[in-house]
Amino acid sequence: MNEVLEKIHENPVIAALKNADDLEDVIKSQVNVVFVLHADIFNIDYLVNTIKDSGKSVLIHIDFLEGIGRDNKAIDYIAQKIKPDGIISTKSNHIKYAKEKGMLAIQRFFLIDSLSYDTLIKSVHSVQPDMIEILPGAMPSVLAKITAQLEMPVIAGGLISSKEDIIMALNSGVQGVSTGRKELWML
């Protein structure tokens, strides 16, 4: 986790790779950390190796990984064969199991109301992910409340569309900001 967190501190903008066609742009970008949000059994190994070979850290959002099951064996396969720097998931059981296997695990939460906020806090205390990602990330007052309440690194993502959104999120106390907007990868 320390290596990924150090890379986020060096450059808090995280590329959210939604399309394999954008791989070259990710490699050429200034980002140090890449979240692979869409891949499949045929291209995931290539994506991870190419990104890692460029000196960047890579985490796979396993909920969106096509062609591989969503059970513990899938996580075993990813850890042993694909070897990303970590995984991202919305599912607590995936986070717990990945941590048991020694993988960096980021739990992703969607905040839509106060109930989802309360669920986030309870889940984080129970599951203890290494980091969390909050979506949407363009809500600085809520991000500030979360970062004040939790001791783990927080990443903001979703609906980040400008440099100002990134600055506001970072000023709220998050460690990094993930975005699929290629023009923001060069900041």
Protein backbone atom coordinates (compact mmCIF):
# COMPACT_ATOMS: atom_id res chain seq x y z
CA MET A 1 0.00 0.00 0.00
CA ASN A 2 2.81 2.38 0.80
CA GLU A 3 4.12 2.42 -2.78
CA VAL A 4 0.68 3.20 -4.23
CA LEU A 5 0.03 5.86 -1.60
CA GLU A 6 3.44 7.44 -2.26
CA LYS A 7 2.63 7.59 -5.97
CA ILE A 8 -0.72 9.23 -5.19
CA HIS A 9 1.07 11.78 -3.01
CA GLU A 10 3.47 12.54 -5.88
CA ASN A 11 0.51 13.08 -8.24
CA PRO A 12 -2.99 12.94 -6.72
CA VAL A 13 -4.70 12.58 -10.11
CA ILE A 14 -5.55 8.93 -10.77
CA ALA A 15 -6.46 7.80 -14.28
CA ALA A 16 -9.71 5.85 -14.47
CA LEU A 17 -9.19 3.72 -17.58
CA LYS A 18 -12.65 2.95 -18.94
CA ASN A 19 -11.59 1.81 -22.39
CA ALA A 20 -8.59 -0.20 -23.60
CA ASP A 21 -8.35 2.22 -26.56
CA ASP A 22 -7.16 4.87 -24.08
CA LEU A 23 -4.19 2.78 -22.88
CA GLU A 24 -1.64 4.77 -24.89
CA ASP A 25 -2.97 8.03 -23.42
CA VAL A 26 -2.64 6.59 -19.90
CA ILE A 27 0.94 5.54 -20.55
CA LYS A 28 1.85 8.98 -21.90
CA SER A 29 0.07 10.81 -19.08
CA GLN A 30 1.52 12.28 -15.92
CA VAL A 31 -0.48 10.00 -13.61
CA ASN A 32 1.31 7.49 -11.40
CA VAL A 33 -1.71 5.33 -10.54
CA VAL A 34 -4.30 3.81 -12.86
CA PHE A 35 -7.67 2.29 -11.99
CA VAL A 36 -8.72 -0.18 -14.70
CA LEU A 37 -12.50 0.15 -14.72
CA HIS A 38 -13.30 -1.99 -17.71
CA ALA A 39 -11.48 -5.05 -18.98
CA ASP A 40 -12.07 -8.69 -19.76
CA ILE A 41 -10.39 -12.04 -19.45
CA PHE A 42 -8.68 -11.55 -22.83
CA ASN A 43 -7.07 -8.15 -22.25
CA ILE A 44 -6.59 -7.72 -18.50
CA ASP A 45 -3.15 -9.32 -18.37
CA TYR A 46 -1.92 -7.13 -21.25
CA LEU A 47 -3.39 -3.97 -19.69
CA VAL A 48 -1.89 -4.61 -16.27
CA ASN A 49 1.55 -5.55 -17.62
CA THR A 50 1.69 -2.59 -20.00
CA ILE A 51 0.71 -0.15 -17.27
CA LYS A 52 3.15 -1.64 -14.77
CA ASP A 53 5.94 -1.69 -17.38
CA SER A 54 5.46 2.07 -17.76
CA GLY A 55 6.26 2.52 -14.05
CA LYS A 56 2.70 3.19 -12.95
CA SER A 57 0.74 1.33 -10.30
CA VAL A 58 -2.46 -0.39 -11.43
CA LEU A 59 -5.56 -1.51 -9.59
CA ILE A 60 -8.37 -3.53 -11.16
CA HIS A 61 -12.02 -2.82 -10.43
CA ILE A 62 -13.03 -6.47 -10.21
CA ASP A 63 -16.78 -5.77 -10.25
CA PHE A 64 -16.39 -4.70 -13.90
CA LEU A 65 -13.99 -7.42 -15.02
CA GLU A 66 -15.79 -9.50 -17.65
CA GLY A 67 -15.28 -13.23 -18.18
CA ILE A 68 -13.95 -13.95 -14.71
CA GLY A 69 -16.25 -14.98 -11.88
CA ARG A 70 -16.94 -12.79 -8.92
CA ASP A 71 -15.92 -15.24 -6.22
CA ASN A 72 -12.81 -15.95 -4.16
CA LYS A 73 -11.26 -18.06 -6.92
CA ALA A 74 -11.43 -15.04 -9.23
CA ILE A 75 -9.53 -13.00 -6.67
CA ASP A 76 -7.00 -15.84 -6.27
CA TYR A 77 -6.51 -15.89 -10.04
CA ILE A 78 -6.09 -12.12 -10.22
CA ALA A 79 -3.58 -12.12 -7.36
CA GLN A 80 -1.52 -15.06 -8.64
CA LYS A 81 -1.67 -14.65 -12.42
CA ILE A 82 -2.51 -11.04 -13.25
CA LYS A 83 -0.65 -9.47 -10.29
CA PRO A 84 -2.03 -5.93 -10.17
CA ASP A 85 -1.01 -3.63 -7.32
CA GLY A 86 -4.48 -4.08 -5.86
CA ILE A 87 -8.19 -4.35 -6.47
CA ILE A 88 -11.22 -2.10 -6.20
CA SER A 89 -14.70 -3.36 -5.37
CA THR A 90 -17.98 -2.24 -3.90
CA LYS A 91 -18.40 -5.64 -2.27
CA SER A 92 -17.24 -6.07 1.32
CA ASN A 93 -16.59 -9.80 0.90
CA HIS A 94 -14.20 -9.09 -2.00
CA ILE A 95 -12.35 -6.49 0.05
CA LYS A 96 -11.99 -8.80 3.05
CA TYR A 97 -10.78 -11.73 0.95
CA ALA A 98 -8.32 -9.64 -1.07
CA LYS A 99 -6.83 -8.28 2.16
CA GLU A 100 -6.50 -11.84 3.50
CA LYS A 101 -4.51 -12.62 0.34
CA GLY A 102 -2.22 -9.66 0.97
CA MET A 103 -3.61 -7.47 -1.79
CA LEU A 104 -4.22 -3.74 -1.53
CA ALA A 105 -8.00 -3.33 -1.41
CA ILE A 106 -9.96 -0.15 -2.12
CA GLN A 107 -13.65 -0.21 -1.34
CA ARG A 108 -15.80 1.97 -3.55
CA PHE A 109 -18.91 3.65 -2.14
CA PHE A 110 -21.70 5.52 -3.90
CA LEU A 111 -23.23 8.24 -1.73
CA ILE A 112 -26.76 9.19 -2.58
CA ASP A 113 -28.25 10.11 0.80
CA SER A 114 -27.65 10.10 4.56
CA LEU A 115 -28.47 6.39 4.79
CA SER A 116 -25.71 5.50 2.32
CA TYR A 117 -23.37 7.77 4.30
CA ASP A 118 -24.16 5.94 7.55
CA THR A 119 -23.72 2.58 5.79
CA LEU A 120 -20.32 3.71 4.49
CA ILE A 121 -19.08 4.58 7.99
CA LYS A 122 -20.31 1.29 9.48
CA SER A 123 -18.90 -0.76 6.62
CA VAL A 124 -15.49 0.90 6.77
CA HIS A 125 -15.21 0.22 10.50
CA SER A 126 -16.25 -3.40 9.96
CA VAL A 127 -14.36 -4.30 6.78
CA GLN A 128 -11.26 -2.09 7.23
CA PRO A 129 -10.33 -1.58 3.55
CA ASP A 130 -6.90 -0.11 2.88
CA MET A 131 -8.48 2.91 1.19
CA ILE A 132 -11.94 3.99 0.13
CA GLU A 133 -13.18 5.73 -2.99
CA ILE A 134 -16.20 8.00 -2.71
CA LEU A 135 -18.49 8.66 -5.65
CA PRO A 136 -19.54 11.22 -6.68
CA GLY A 137 -16.34 13.05 -5.88
CA ALA A 138 -17.64 16.52 -6.69
CA MET A 139 -19.08 17.20 -3.23
CA PRO A 140 -16.34 18.76 -1.10
CA SER A 141 -18.34 19.34 2.08
CA VAL A 142 -19.28 15.66 2.31
CA LEU A 143 -15.73 14.59 1.48
CA ALA A 144 -14.41 16.85 4.26
CA LYS A 145 -16.82 15.26 6.73
CA ILE A 146 -15.71 11.75 5.72
CA THR A 147 -11.98 12.52 5.82
CA ALA A 148 -12.39 14.05 9.28
CA GLN A 149 -14.29 11.01 10.52
CA LEU A 150 -12.06 8.25 9.08
CA GLU A 151 -8.35 7.61 9.51
CA MET A 152 -7.77 5.79 6.20
CA PRO A 153 -6.89 7.37 2.86
CA VAL A 154 -9.89 8.56 0.86
CA ILE A 155 -10.08 8.97 -2.90
CA ALA A 156 -12.75 11.02 -4.66
CA GLY A 157 -14.10 9.88 -8.02
CA GLY A 158 -17.04 10.33 -10.30
CA LEU A 159 -18.31 13.56 -11.84
CA ILE A 160 -14.84 15.11 -11.67
CA SER A 161 -14.83 17.27 -14.78
CA SER A 162 -12.37 20.11 -14.18
CA LYS A 163 -9.17 21.16 -12.50
CA GLU A 164 -11.31 23.10 -10.04
CA ASP A 165 -13.18 19.90 -9.08
CA ILE A 166 -9.83 18.24 -8.37
CA ILE A 167 -8.60 21.17 -6.28
CA MET A 168 -11.84 21.32 -4.27
CA ALA A 169 -11.71 17.57 -3.60
CA LEU A 170 -8.06 17.72 -2.52
CA ASN A 171 -8.78 20.71 -0.30
CA SER A 172 -11.46 18.62 1.42
CA GLY A 173 -8.78 16.22 2.65
CA VAL A 174 -8.84 13.37 0.14
CA GLN A 175 -5.52 11.81 -0.88
CA GLY A 176 -6.32 11.49 -4.58
CA VAL A 177 -8.91 12.05 -7.27
CA SER A 178 -9.78 9.49 -9.93
CA THR A 179 -11.07 10.66 -13.27
CA GLY A 180 -11.77 9.21 -16.68
CA ARG A 181 -11.24 12.60 -18.34
CA LYS A 182 -8.02 12.26 -20.32
CA GLU A 183 -7.36 16.00 -20.36
CA LEU A 184 -7.11 15.93 -16.55
CA TRP A 185 -4.50 13.13 -16.60
CA MET A 186 -1.92 15.70 -17.70
CA LEU A 187 -2.27 17.96 -14.65
